C-alpha atoms as a PDB file:
ATOM      1  CA  MET A   1     107.481 106.147  92.098  1.00  0.00           C
ATOM      2  CA  SER A   2     106.712 102.869  90.447  1.00  0.00           C
ATOM      3  CA  TRP A   3     105.195  99.529  91.686  1.00  0.00           C
ATOM      4  CA  TRP A   4     106.654  96.323  90.185  1.00  0.00           C
ATOM      5  CA  ILE A   5     104.405  93.617  89.037  1.00  0.00           C
ATOM      6  CA  LYS A   6     105.912  90.238  88.213  1.00  0.00           C
ATOM      7  CA  ARG A   7     103.868  87.674  86.094  1.00  0.00           C
ATOM      8  CA  LYS A   8     104.276  84.339  84.327  1.00  0.00           C
ATOM      9  CA  ASP A   9     102.998  83.881  80.968  1.00  0.00           C
ATOM     10  CA  GLU A  10     101.373  80.326  79.667  1.00  0.00           C
ATOM     11  CA  GLN A  11     105.046  79.038  78.737  1.00  0.00           C
ATOM     12  CA  GLY A  12     106.332  79.962  82.147  1.00  0.00           C
ATOM     13  CA  LYS A  13     108.273  83.067  80.959  1.00  0.00           C
ATOM     14  CA  THR A  14     108.737  85.639  83.837  1.00  0.00           C
ATOM     15  CA  HIS A  15     107.398  89.346  82.657  1.00  0.00           C
ATOM     16  CA  LEU A  16     108.306  92.315  84.994  1.00  0.00           C
ATOM     17  CA  TRP A  17     105.864  95.492  84.546  1.00  0.00           C
ATOM     18  CA  ALA A  18     106.687  99.008  86.164  1.00  0.00           C
ATOM     19  CA  VAL A  19     103.410 100.537  87.051  1.00  0.00           C
ATOM     20  CA  ASP A  20     103.913 104.539  87.675  1.00  0.00           C
ATOM     21  CA  VAL A  21     101.868 105.637  90.766  1.00  0.00           C
ATOM     22  CA  ASP A  22     102.052 109.246  92.066  1.00  0.00           C
ATOM     23  CA  PRO A  23     102.500 108.694  95.798  1.00  0.00           C
ATOM     24  CA  LEU A  24     100.836 112.324  96.497  1.00  0.00           C
ATOM     25  CA  LEU A  25      97.440 110.939  95.181  1.00  0.00           C
ATOM     26  CA  PHE A  26      97.778 107.911  97.206  1.00  0.00           C
ATOM     27  CA  MET A  27      98.398 109.674 100.162  1.00  0.00           C
ATOM     28  CA  MET A  28      95.537 112.372  99.449  1.00  0.00           C
ATOM     29  CA  LEU A  29      93.190 109.343  98.889  1.00  0.00           C
ATOM     30  CA  LEU A  30      93.919 107.859 101.969  1.00  0.00           C
ATOM     31  CA  SER A  31      93.944 111.278 104.277  1.00  0.00           C
ATOM     32  CA  LEU A  32      90.448 111.860 102.565  1.00  0.00           C
ATOM     33  CA  LEU A  33      89.259 108.255 103.468  1.00  0.00           C
ATOM     34  CA  LEU A  34      90.367 108.627 107.148  1.00  0.00           C
ATOM     35  CA  ALA A  35      88.826 112.025 107.443  1.00  0.00           C
ATOM     36  CA  PHE A  36      85.351 110.999 106.277  1.00  0.00           C
ATOM     37  CA  ILE A  37      85.633 107.694 108.467  1.00  0.00           C
ATOM     38  CA  ILE A  38      86.823 109.371 111.459  1.00  0.00           C
ATOM     39  CA  PRO A  39      84.276 112.363 112.781  1.00  0.00           C
ATOM     40  CA  SER A  40      86.096 113.152 116.008  1.00  0.00           C
ATOM     41  CA  PHE A  41      88.201 116.384 115.832  1.00  0.00           C
ATOM     42  CA  SER A  42      91.102 114.831 117.722  1.00  0.00           C
ATOM     43  CA  ARG A  43      91.401 112.285 115.287  1.00  0.00           C
ATOM     44  CA  VAL A  44      91.315 114.608 112.197  1.00  0.00           C
ATOM     45  CA  SER A  45      94.159 116.504 113.807  1.00  0.00           C
ATOM     46  CA  THR A  46      95.969 113.308 113.657  1.00  0.00           C
ATOM     47  CA  VAL A  47      95.282 112.597 110.135  1.00  0.00           C
ATOM     48  CA  LEU A  48      96.524 116.179 109.501  1.00  0.00           C
ATOM     49  CA  MET A  49      99.402 115.647 111.114  1.00  0.00           C
ATOM     50  CA  PHE A  50     100.161 112.207 109.505  1.00  0.00           C
ATOM     51  CA  SER A  51      99.437 113.269 106.253  1.00  0.00           C
ATOM     52  CA  GLY A  52     101.859 116.241 106.610  1.00  0.00           C
ATOM     53  CA  PHE A  53     104.545 113.738 107.716  1.00  0.00           C
ATOM     54  CA  LEU A  54     103.785 111.656 104.685  1.00  0.00           C
ATOM     55  CA  CYS A  55     104.100 114.785 102.368  1.00  0.00           C
ATOM     56  CA  PHE A  56     107.327 115.772 103.980  1.00  0.00           C
ATOM     57  CA  LEU A  57     108.729 112.247 103.703  1.00  0.00           C
ATOM     58  CA  ILE A  58     107.922 111.906 100.159  1.00  0.00           C
ATOM     59  CA  ALA A  59     109.989 115.257  99.537  1.00  0.00           C
ATOM     60  CA  LYS A  60     112.818 114.185 101.556  1.00  0.00           C
ATOM     61  CA  VAL A  61     113.009 110.599  99.871  1.00  0.00           C
ATOM     62  CA  SER A  62     113.838 112.549  96.590  1.00  0.00           C
ATOM     63  CA  LEU A  63     117.032 113.869  98.008  1.00  0.00           C
ATOM     64  CA  PHE A  64     117.945 110.420  99.359  1.00  0.00           C
ATOM     65  CA  ARG A  65     117.502 109.236  95.882  1.00  0.00           C
ATOM     66  CA  GLU A  66     120.025 111.808  94.823  1.00  0.00           C
ATOM     67  CA  GLY A  67     122.448 110.888  97.545  1.00  0.00           C
ATOM     68  CA  VAL A  68     121.788 113.549  99.680  1.00  0.00           C
ATOM     69  CA  TRP A  69     121.250 112.381 103.158  1.00  0.00           C
ATOM     70  CA  ILE A  70     121.730 115.721 105.093  1.00  0.00           C
ATOM     71  CA  SER A  71     119.963 118.699 104.259  1.00  0.00           C
ATOM     72  CA  TRP A  72     118.271 121.457 106.024  1.00  0.00           C
ATOM     73  CA  GLY A  73     115.354 123.219 103.885  1.00  0.00           C
ATOM     74  CA  SER A  74     114.104 122.688 100.452  1.00  0.00           C
ATOM     75  CA  SER A  75     116.837 124.392  98.468  1.00  0.00           C
ATOM     76  CA  ARG A  76     118.225 121.368  97.062  1.00  0.00           C
ATOM     77  CA  MET A  77     114.613 120.037  95.936  1.00  0.00           C
ATOM     78  CA  GLY A  78     112.871 120.511  92.393  1.00  0.00           C
ATOM     79  CA  LYS A  79     110.001 122.714  92.314  1.00  0.00           C
ATOM     80  CA  GLY A  80     107.284 119.864  92.741  1.00  0.00           C
ATOM     81  CA  HIS A  81     109.005 118.527  95.918  1.00  0.00           C
ATOM     82  CA  THR A  82     109.669 121.894  97.234  1.00  0.00           C
ATOM     83  CA  ILE A  83     105.481 122.583  97.330  1.00  0.00           C
ATOM     84  CA  LEU A  84     105.090 119.004  98.603  1.00  0.00           C
ATOM     85  CA  TYR A  85     107.710 119.764 101.646  1.00  0.00           C
ATOM     86  CA  ARG A  86     106.176 123.055 102.497  1.00  0.00           C
ATOM     87  CA  VAL A  87     102.617 121.471 102.270  1.00  0.00           C
ATOM     88  CA  GLY A  88     103.921 119.120 104.594  1.00  0.00           C
ATOM     89  CA  TYR A  89     105.048 121.118 107.020  1.00  0.00           C
ATOM     90  CA  GLY A  90     101.814 123.202 106.668  1.00  0.00           C
ATOM     91  CA  LEU A  91      99.465 120.125 107.265  1.00  0.00           C
ATOM     92  CA  MET A  92     101.596 119.042 110.337  1.00  0.00           C
ATOM     93  CA  LEU A  93     101.243 122.616 111.845  1.00  0.00           C
ATOM     94  CA  ALA A  94      97.539 122.563 111.276  1.00  0.00           C
ATOM     95  CA  GLY A  95      97.330 119.249 112.871  1.00  0.00           C
ATOM     96  CA  ILE A  96      99.286 120.614 115.819  1.00  0.00           C
ATOM     97  CA  PHE A  97      97.313 123.759 116.145  1.00  0.00           C
ATOM     98  CA  LEU A  98      93.972 122.062 115.935  1.00  0.00           C
ATOM     99  CA  ARG A  99      95.357 119.570 118.762  1.00  0.00           C
ATOM    100  CA  LEU A 100      96.417 122.362 120.945  1.00  0.00           C
ATOM    101  CA  LEU A 101      92.915 124.057 120.207  1.00  0.00           C
ATOM    102  CA  LEU A 102      91.040 121.207 121.553  1.00  0.00           C
ATOM    103  CA  TYR A 103      93.617 120.659 124.403  1.00  0.00           C
ATOM    104  CA  VAL A 104      92.768 124.398 125.407  1.00  0.00           C
ATOM    105  CA  LEU A 105      89.100 124.098 125.127  1.00  0.00           C
ATOM    106  CA  SER A 106      88.647 120.789 127.013  1.00  0.00           C
ATOM    107  CA  LEU A 107      90.320 122.785 129.918  1.00  0.00           C
ATOM    108  CA  VAL A 108      87.864 125.474 129.525  1.00  0.00           C
ATOM    109  CA  LYS A 109      84.981 123.058 130.271  1.00  0.00           C
END
């Protein structure tokens, strides 16, 4: 993934720079920031589910870029995207499990 930066020099000539950015690193930093800012467990479960969805989406975008619009599973992905795809599902399941656990504990009280 790249960010494109467009700048003009003193003569007015436009230069285009491509800055490589790892989307997983950005997602992990955002997740950690949200997890430390929000101490409530219900919000932590939301952050887990959101982070998992972002991992899942990043892995799926790799297929969309190759022209594969419909696929089930990670068989057509590269090794890194396959790991990201599975981590995404794991985070989403952990968030759902935490949310259900909190719901059951609130019924007990």
